[in-house]
Protein backbone atom coordinates (compact mmCIF):
# COMPACT_ATOMS: atom_id res chain seq x y z
CA MET A 1 0.00 0.00 0.00
CA ASN A 2 1.11 3.58 -0.64
CA ILE A 3 -0.59 5.15 2.34
CA SER A 4 0.98 7.09 5.17
CA ILE A 5 0.52 6.22 8.83
CA ASN A 6 0.50 8.05 12.13
CA GLU A 7 4.25 8.12 12.78
CA ASN A 8 3.62 8.86 16.45
CA TYR A 9 2.75 5.20 17.02
CA LYS A 10 6.43 4.42 16.48
CA HIS A 11 7.21 6.28 19.70
CA ILE A 12 5.27 3.92 21.97
CA LYS A 13 6.41 0.53 23.18
CA GLU A 14 5.53 -2.21 20.73
CA THR A 15 4.32 -4.47 23.55
CA TYR A 16 1.73 -3.27 26.04
CA LEU A 17 2.68 -4.02 29.65
CA PHE A 18 -0.08 -6.52 30.33
CA SER A 19 0.47 -8.25 26.99
CA GLU A 20 4.09 -8.87 28.02
CA ILE A 21 2.93 -10.26 31.36
CA ALA A 22 0.48 -12.57 29.60
CA SER A 23 3.22 -13.75 27.26
CA ARG A 24 5.57 -14.64 30.14
CA VAL A 25 2.80 -16.42 32.04
CA ARG A 26 1.80 -18.36 28.94
CA LYS A 27 5.40 -19.48 28.39
CA TYR A 28 5.63 -20.64 32.01
CA THR A 29 2.33 -22.56 31.97
CA GLU A 30 3.41 -24.35 28.79
CA GLN A 31 6.42 -25.59 30.75
CA LYS A 32 4.44 -26.25 33.95
CA PRO A 33 0.84 -27.02 32.91
CA ASP A 34 -0.06 -28.26 36.40
CA ALA A 35 1.08 -25.12 38.20
CA ARG A 36 -1.60 -23.47 40.39
CA LEU A 37 -1.15 -19.80 39.65
CA ILE A 38 -2.49 -17.06 41.88
CA ARG A 39 -3.08 -13.96 39.80
CA LEU A 40 -2.51 -10.69 41.63
CA GLY A 41 -1.49 -8.76 38.54
CA ILE A 42 -4.20 -7.14 36.42
CA GLY A 43 -6.69 -5.17 38.52
CA ASP A 44 -9.72 -7.20 37.51
CA VAL A 45 -12.49 -7.86 40.02
CA THR A 46 -13.48 -11.40 40.96
CA LEU A 47 -16.79 -10.99 42.82
CA PRO A 48 -20.00 -11.09 40.76
CA LEU A 49 -22.19 -8.09 40.10
CA PRO A 50 -24.33 -7.05 43.09
CA GLY A 51 -27.82 -8.52 43.05
CA VAL A 52 -29.55 -5.14 42.79
CA VAL A 53 -27.54 -4.43 39.62
CA VAL A 54 -28.38 -7.80 38.06
CA ASP A 55 -32.09 -7.32 38.82
CA ALA A 56 -32.10 -3.88 37.22
CA MET A 57 -30.32 -5.16 34.12
CA ASN A 58 -32.71 -8.10 33.81
CA ARG A 59 -35.69 -5.76 33.97
CA ALA A 60 -34.10 -3.54 31.34
CA VAL A 61 -33.44 -6.48 29.02
CA SER A 62 -37.09 -7.51 29.38
CA GLU A 63 -38.15 -3.98 28.43
CA MET A 64 -36.07 -4.27 25.27
CA GLY A 65 -38.19 -7.27 24.26
CA VAL A 66 -41.48 -5.36 24.39
CA LYS A 67 -42.54 -2.95 21.66
CA GLU A 68 -43.86 -0.31 24.05
CA THR A 69 -40.65 -0.15 26.11
CA PHE A 70 -38.06 -0.98 23.44
CA ARG A 71 -35.26 1.60 23.07
CA GLY A 72 -32.90 2.17 20.16
CA TYR A 73 -29.78 4.31 20.13
CA PRO A 74 -29.05 5.74 23.57
CA PRO A 75 -28.19 9.44 24.00
CA GLU A 76 -24.47 9.87 23.31
CA SER A 77 -23.91 11.55 26.68
CA GLY A 78 -26.05 9.08 28.62
CA TYR A 79 -29.65 8.65 29.74
CA PRO A 80 -30.88 11.40 32.09
CA PHE A 81 -31.75 8.85 34.80
CA LEU A 82 -28.11 7.77 35.12
CA LYS A 83 -26.66 11.26 34.80
CA GLU A 84 -28.98 12.41 37.61
CA ALA A 85 -27.81 9.48 39.75
CA VAL A 86 -24.19 10.54 39.18
CA VAL A 87 -25.04 14.12 40.21
CA ARG A 88 -26.58 12.83 43.46
CA HIS A 89 -23.45 10.74 44.06
CA TYR A 90 -21.30 13.86 43.82
CA LYS A 91 -23.61 15.73 46.16
CA ASP A 92 -23.13 12.93 48.71
CA ASN A 93 -19.40 13.58 48.34
CA ARG A 94 -19.74 17.32 49.01
CA ALA A 95 -19.47 18.38 45.38
CA ASP A 96 -22.01 20.14 43.16
CA ILE A 97 -22.09 19.41 39.45
CA ASP A 98 -24.79 19.79 36.80
CA VAL A 99 -26.45 17.05 34.74
CA GLY A 100 -25.21 18.74 31.57
CA GLU A 101 -21.63 18.34 32.78
CA VAL A 102 -21.88 14.53 33.04
CA PHE A 103 -21.03 12.26 30.10
CA ILE A 104 -21.66 8.52 30.40
CA SER A 105 -19.14 6.27 28.65
CA ASP A 106 -17.94 2.69 28.40
CA GLY A 107 -15.21 3.23 30.99
CA ALA A 108 -12.50 5.49 32.34
CA LYS A 109 -9.74 4.08 30.12
CA SER A 110 -11.60 5.03 26.95
CA ASP A 111 -12.31 8.58 28.07
CA ILE A 112 -8.77 9.20 29.33
CA GLY A 113 -7.41 8.02 26.00
CA ASN A 114 -9.96 10.00 23.99
CA LEU A 115 -9.72 13.35 25.79
CA VAL A 116 -6.61 14.15 23.74
CA ASP A 117 -8.96 14.50 20.75
CA ILE A 118 -10.27 17.85 21.99
CA LEU A 119 -6.94 19.24 23.17
CA GLY A 120 -4.28 20.95 21.08
CA ASN A 121 -0.50 20.97 21.11
CA ASN A 122 0.05 21.36 24.85
CA GLU A 123 2.89 20.32 27.11
CA ILE A 124 1.78 17.34 29.19
CA ILE A 125 2.73 16.75 32.83
CA ILE A 126 2.41 13.18 34.09
CA PRO A 127 3.58 11.78 37.44
CA ASP A 128 5.83 8.73 37.12
CA PRO A 129 5.12 5.83 37.86
CA VAL A 130 1.86 5.97 35.96
CA TYR A 131 -0.97 4.00 34.38
CA PRO A 132 0.31 3.48 30.79
CA VAL A 133 -2.72 4.93 28.96
CA TYR A 134 -1.85 8.48 30.11
CA VAL A 135 1.52 8.35 28.41
CA ASP A 136 0.66 6.23 25.39
CA SER A 137 -2.44 8.20 24.35
CA ASN A 138 -0.42 11.40 24.34
CA LEU A 139 2.49 9.85 22.47
CA MET A 140 0.01 8.63 19.85
CA ASN A 141 -1.05 12.25 19.43
CA GLY A 142 2.52 13.59 19.21
CA ASN A 143 2.35 15.57 22.44
CA ARG A 144 5.36 16.66 24.49
CA ILE A 145 5.44 14.87 27.84
CA THR A 146 7.31 15.86 30.98
CA LEU A 147 7.40 13.28 33.76
CA ILE A 148 7.59 14.29 37.43
CA THR A 149 8.76 11.63 39.82
CA GLY A 150 6.93 9.89 42.61
CA ASN A 151 9.24 8.08 45.03
CA LYS A 152 9.69 6.97 48.63
CA GLU A 153 10.73 10.45 49.67
CA ASN A 154 7.45 12.08 48.59
CA GLY A 155 5.26 9.06 49.32
CA PHE A 156 4.73 8.56 45.57
CA LEU A 157 2.71 11.79 45.47
CA ALA A 158 4.32 14.18 43.01
CA MET A 159 3.61 17.89 43.60
CA PRO A 160 3.69 21.10 41.49
CA ASP A 161 7.01 22.28 42.90
CA GLN A 162 8.62 19.54 40.80
CA ILE A 163 7.60 21.35 37.60
CA ALA A 164 10.65 23.28 36.41
CA SER A 165 9.02 26.34 34.84
CA ALA A 166 5.71 28.18 34.80
CA GLY A 167 3.19 27.91 31.98
CA ALA A 168 -0.09 26.29 31.01
CA ARG A 169 -0.01 22.51 30.85
CA VAL A 170 -2.32 19.52 30.77
CA ILE A 171 -1.71 17.64 34.03
CA TYR A 172 -2.74 14.05 34.70
CA LEU A 173 -3.48 13.06 38.30
CA CYS A 174 -4.85 9.80 39.70
CA SER A 175 -5.92 9.53 43.34
CA PRO A 176 -6.07 6.98 44.87
CA ASN A 177 -3.28 6.18 42.49
CA ASN A 178 -2.80 3.33 40.08
CA PRO A 179 -0.26 1.74 40.46
CA THR A 180 1.04 3.02 43.81
CA GLY A 181 -2.15 3.17 45.90
CA ALA A 182 -1.05 6.54 47.31
CA ALA A 183 -3.73 9.24 47.69
CA TYR A 184 -3.64 13.03 47.90
CA ASP A 185 -5.13 14.69 50.98
CA HIS A 186 -7.21 17.87 50.76
CA GLY A 187 -4.21 20.16 51.26
CA GLN A 188 -2.11 18.48 48.58
CA LEU A 189 -4.96 18.45 46.07
CA ARG A 190 -5.71 22.11 46.87
CA THR A 191 -2.09 22.90 46.00
CA TRP A 192 -2.56 21.29 42.60
CA VAL A 193 -5.81 23.16 41.94
CA GLU A 194 -4.23 26.48 42.93
CA TYR A 195 -1.28 25.75 40.64
CA ALA A 196 -3.61 24.97 37.72
CA LEU A 197 -5.64 28.12 38.28
CA SER A 198 -2.55 30.33 38.55
CA THR A 199 -0.96 28.94 35.36
CA GLY A 200 -4.07 28.41 33.25
CA SER A 201 -3.48 24.66 33.26
CA LEU A 202 -5.99 21.83 32.90
CA ILE A 203 -6.04 18.85 35.28
CA ILE A 204 -7.36 15.51 34.01
CA TYR A 205 -8.24 13.76 37.25
CA ASP A 206 -8.76 9.99 37.39
CA SER A 207 -10.89 9.04 40.40
CA ALA A 208 -11.63 5.45 39.36
CA TYR A 209 -10.72 4.12 42.83
CA GLU A 210 -12.52 6.71 44.97
CA ALA A 211 -14.89 4.09 46.41
CA PHE A 212 -11.93 2.57 48.30
CA VAL A 213 -11.28 5.78 50.26
CA THR A 214 -11.66 5.35 54.02
CA ASP A 215 -9.54 8.21 55.38
CA ASP A 216 -10.55 11.88 55.33
CA ILE A 217 -9.21 12.46 51.82
CA PRO A 218 -11.03 13.66 48.68
CA HIS A 219 -13.35 11.33 46.79
CA THR A 220 -13.45 13.86 43.96
CA ILE A 221 -11.37 16.84 42.91
CA TYR A 222 -14.54 18.93 42.98
CA GLU A 223 -14.39 18.90 46.77
CA ILE A 224 -11.67 21.52 46.23
CA GLU A 225 -12.88 25.07 45.61
CA GLY A 226 -12.08 26.26 42.10
CA ALA A 227 -11.61 22.80 40.61
CA ASP A 228 -14.62 23.32 38.33
CA ARG A 229 -12.54 26.02 36.58
CA CYS A 230 -9.50 23.84 35.90
CA ALA A 231 -10.32 20.11 36.06
CA ILE A 232 -11.98 17.32 34.12
CA GLU A 233 -12.75 14.24 36.21
CA VAL A 234 -13.02 10.68 34.91
CA CYS A 235 -14.57 7.91 37.00
CA SER A 236 -15.77 4.35 36.52
CA PHE A 237 -18.14 1.65 37.70
CA SER A 238 -15.46 -0.99 37.06
CA LYS A 239 -14.01 -1.21 40.56
CA PHE A 240 -16.88 0.36 42.50
CA ALA A 241 -19.61 -1.93 41.12
CA GLY A 242 -17.59 -4.70 39.45
CA PHE A 243 -18.29 -3.53 35.88
CA THR A 244 -14.94 -4.60 34.41
CA GLY A 245 -16.79 -6.97 32.08
CA THR A 246 -19.89 -4.80 31.76
CA ARG A 247 -18.24 -1.46 30.90
CA CYS A 248 -19.61 1.81 32.14
CA GLY A 249 -18.10 5.01 33.47
CA TRP A 250 -18.49 8.76 33.31
CA THR A 251 -16.58 11.96 32.74
CA VAL A 252 -17.39 15.36 34.22
CA VAL A 253 -16.53 18.34 32.02
CA PRO A 254 -17.60 21.52 33.84
CA ARG A 255 -19.16 24.31 31.79
CA LYS A 256 -16.68 26.76 33.31
CA LEU A 257 -13.78 25.11 31.48
CA LEU A 258 -12.76 27.40 28.63
CA SER A 259 -9.75 27.26 26.32
CA SER A 260 -7.39 30.18 25.75
CA ASP A 261 -9.71 31.54 23.02
CA GLY A 262 -12.86 31.05 25.11
CA THR A 263 -14.01 27.78 23.55
CA SER A 264 -16.12 25.57 25.83
CA LEU A 265 -14.48 22.20 26.53
CA ASN A 266 -17.90 20.90 27.58
CA LYS A 267 -19.32 21.61 24.12
CA MET A 268 -16.23 20.22 22.42
CA TRP A 269 -16.44 16.95 24.36
CA LEU A 270 -20.15 16.65 23.55
CA ARG A 271 -19.33 17.17 19.86
CA ARG A 272 -16.54 14.61 20.00
CA GLN A 273 -18.72 12.00 21.69
CA SER A 274 -21.64 12.66 19.34
CA THR A 275 -19.35 11.99 16.37
CA LYS A 276 -17.25 9.06 17.59
CA PHE A 277 -19.33 7.31 20.26
CA ASN A 278 -22.77 5.71 20.10
CA GLY A 279 -23.44 5.54 23.80
CA VAL A 280 -23.71 2.81 26.45
CA SER A 281 -26.51 0.25 26.17
CA TYR A 282 -29.77 0.81 28.03
CA PRO A 283 -29.53 -2.36 30.22
CA VAL A 284 -25.99 -1.43 31.33
CA GLN A 285 -27.04 2.11 32.20
CA ARG A 286 -29.98 0.80 34.24
CA GLY A 287 -27.55 -1.47 36.08
CA ALA A 288 -25.25 1.48 36.75
CA GLU A 289 -28.19 3.53 38.03
CA ALA A 290 -29.05 0.71 40.44
CA ALA A 291 -25.43 0.61 41.66
CA LEU A 292 -25.78 4.26 42.73
CA SER A 293 -29.05 3.67 44.62
CA ALA A 294 -28.95 3.39 48.42
CA GLU A 295 -29.23 -0.39 48.27
CA GLY A 296 -26.80 -0.56 45.36
CA ILE A 297 -24.17 1.41 47.26
CA ARG A 298 -24.65 -0.87 50.27
CA GLN A 299 -24.11 -3.99 48.17
CA CYS A 300 -21.19 -2.50 46.22
CA MET A 301 -19.46 -1.40 49.42
CA ALA A 302 -19.85 -4.92 50.84
CA ASN A 303 -17.81 -6.17 47.87
CA ILE A 304 -15.26 -3.42 48.35
CA ASP A 305 -14.95 -4.33 52.04
CA TYR A 306 -14.17 -7.88 50.89
CA TYR A 307 -11.28 -6.59 48.77
CA ARG A 308 -10.14 -4.34 51.61
CA GLU A 309 -9.75 -7.44 53.80
CA ASN A 310 -7.54 -8.95 51.10
CA ALA A 311 -5.44 -5.78 51.02
CA SER A 312 -5.08 -5.92 54.79
CA MET A 313 -3.86 -9.54 54.62
CA LEU A 314 -1.28 -8.66 51.99
CA GLY A 315 -0.15 -5.55 53.85
CA ASP A 316 0.26 -7.44 57.12
CA THR A 317 2.36 -10.07 55.33
CA LEU A 318 4.69 -7.47 53.84
CA SER A 319 4.94 -5.56 57.13
CA GLY A 320 5.86 -8.80 58.87
CA LYS A 321 8.73 -9.22 56.43
CA GLY A 322 9.87 -5.62 56.84
CA ILE A 323 9.10 -4.74 53.22
CA TYR A 324 8.27 -1.13 52.38
CA TYR A 325 4.99 -0.53 50.54
CA THR A 326 2.36 2.09 49.83
CA GLY A 327 -1.35 1.56 49.22
CA GLY A 328 -3.48 -1.21 50.64
CA LYS A 329 -5.53 1.44 52.44
CA ASN A 330 -7.78 3.73 50.39
CA SER A 331 -6.78 1.56 47.44
CA PRO A 332 -6.99 -2.03 46.14
CA TYR A 333 -3.34 -1.83 45.08
CA ILE A 334 -0.21 -2.51 47.07
CA TRP A 335 3.03 -1.05 45.72
CA LEU A 336 5.99 -2.80 47.30
CA GLN A 337 9.71 -2.33 47.10
CA CYS A 338 11.35 -5.39 45.57
CA PRO A 339 13.45 -7.23 48.18
CA MET A 340 17.17 -7.85 47.85
CA ASN A 341 17.53 -4.83 45.51
CA MET A 342 16.01 -6.86 42.69
CA ASN A 343 14.77 -5.14 39.57
CA SER A 344 11.06 -5.44 38.97
CA TRP A 345 11.07 -7.92 36.07
CA ASP A 346 13.50 -10.22 37.91
CA PHE A 347 11.17 -10.11 40.93
CA PHE A 348 8.25 -10.88 38.60
CA ASP A 349 10.03 -13.98 37.35
CA MET A 350 10.99 -15.07 40.86
CA LEU A 351 7.39 -14.77 42.08
CA LEU A 352 6.12 -16.61 39.02
CA TYR A 353 8.62 -19.46 39.03
CA ASP A 354 9.19 -19.90 42.76
CA ALA A 355 5.78 -19.03 44.22
CA ASN A 356 3.43 -19.29 41.24
CA ILE A 357 2.18 -15.76 41.90
CA VAL A 358 1.55 -13.29 39.08
CA GLY A 359 2.00 -9.59 39.82
CA THR A 360 2.92 -6.48 37.84
CA PRO A 361 6.50 -5.18 37.53
CA GLY A 362 6.83 -1.55 38.50
CA GLU A 363 9.14 -0.82 35.56
CA GLY A 364 6.12 -1.28 33.30
CA PHE A 365 4.61 1.86 34.84
CA GLY A 366 7.61 4.04 34.08
CA LYS A 367 11.24 4.63 34.97
CA ALA A 368 10.38 5.60 38.55
CA GLY A 369 8.68 2.23 39.00
CA GLU A 370 11.90 0.26 38.60
CA GLY A 371 12.65 -1.68 41.78
CA PHE A 372 8.97 -1.74 42.78
CA PHE A 373 6.10 -4.13 42.18
CA ARG A 374 2.29 -3.93 42.16
CA ILE A 375 -0.03 -6.58 43.55
CA THR A 376 -3.80 -6.31 43.77
CA ALA A 377 -6.43 -7.20 46.35
CA PHE A 378 -8.99 -8.39 43.80
CA GLY A 379 -8.58 -12.11 44.42
CA THR A 380 -10.71 -14.32 46.63
CA HIS A 381 -10.06 -14.52 50.36
CA GLU A 382 -8.86 -18.08 49.86
CA SER A 383 -6.42 -17.30 47.05
CA THR A 384 -5.15 -14.17 48.81
CA ALA A 385 -4.53 -16.11 52.04
CA GLU A 386 -2.68 -18.77 50.07
CA ALA A 387 -0.64 -16.10 48.30
CA CYS A 388 0.28 -14.61 51.69
CA GLY A 389 1.49 -18.03 52.82
CA ARG A 390 3.62 -18.45 49.72
CA LEU A 391 5.07 -14.94 50.14
CA LYS A 392 6.00 -15.66 53.76
CA GLU A 393 7.92 -18.75 52.66
CA LEU A 394 9.59 -17.06 49.70
CA LEU A 395 10.54 -13.74 51.26
């Protein structure tokens, strides 16, 4: 063919992190087909959907089989009933947003990757270590990226004073963080909002893990005064309600967000979604609405408490071995320092071959992740307890 391609794709790693993990695991299981692996790598939930969600989806499917209640294409930005439920959820978390600022999607990953469509040639600030989609989606678009480092010294919570010079940027923040599990408190997040307002910057804030927050820390950036003038927030039902296989999330784009020439980012995102996205199915949106009901929140939080117990088991095991880690509280992720000064891929192989445990090497999340390792609390109690036993023997 004599066609040109997007040359920016040549600047990203050919192999996605989790594809490389899958390849190594596949190679090992071919050698050891009887090995009983415990998978603590990819952050996929294991508990089934809450009953109230399943009931709502079943009712919605039945409606789709009746002429009078059948529905065709959903609204690109989401059905009003779900958008109103999201608004109530924010109000419960001490934040006021408007229905017209909520956009329902098929998940946080999609929206984070797609937001670059409405943004121009800006310098990008991303804390390192980081969820790969932040970096890769910007590299695909040819954007200039500056990484600021999270480390033991700052508790893996990068701050604005690490940015070398003033100027408007697009800043990616995730709290509670993936992969480190660290979370900004109100004062730290206020510092970021004040920095964005003073420099004319935009924050893209990933709050996908806010349901795991137990301490007095923000569930949403909109708890901070002024954030509606400088921040887009992306959230998800994947971890909160177990929708990893069902796919639903939302993005909040406040009407007060204006570009340097006064263009509304809210209107731009609506235009982008109307052109490139056909909406989330009616049954899924009814299930998501049920998840945000009083009974739905109760059932979802029971599942989250289950995962929190797993995180506590893993954290106690590491503490007993004197291993430094962050996360495990306010987060389903535990970010541990590899023992014996091992690099992260060597530690991955040791866990896989000597303990039959699959985790995620920190190096895959960026240069600052080298020497660290991510494990998740999304297993069963039984598999997590067994993993703790294997770790105690190995470490």
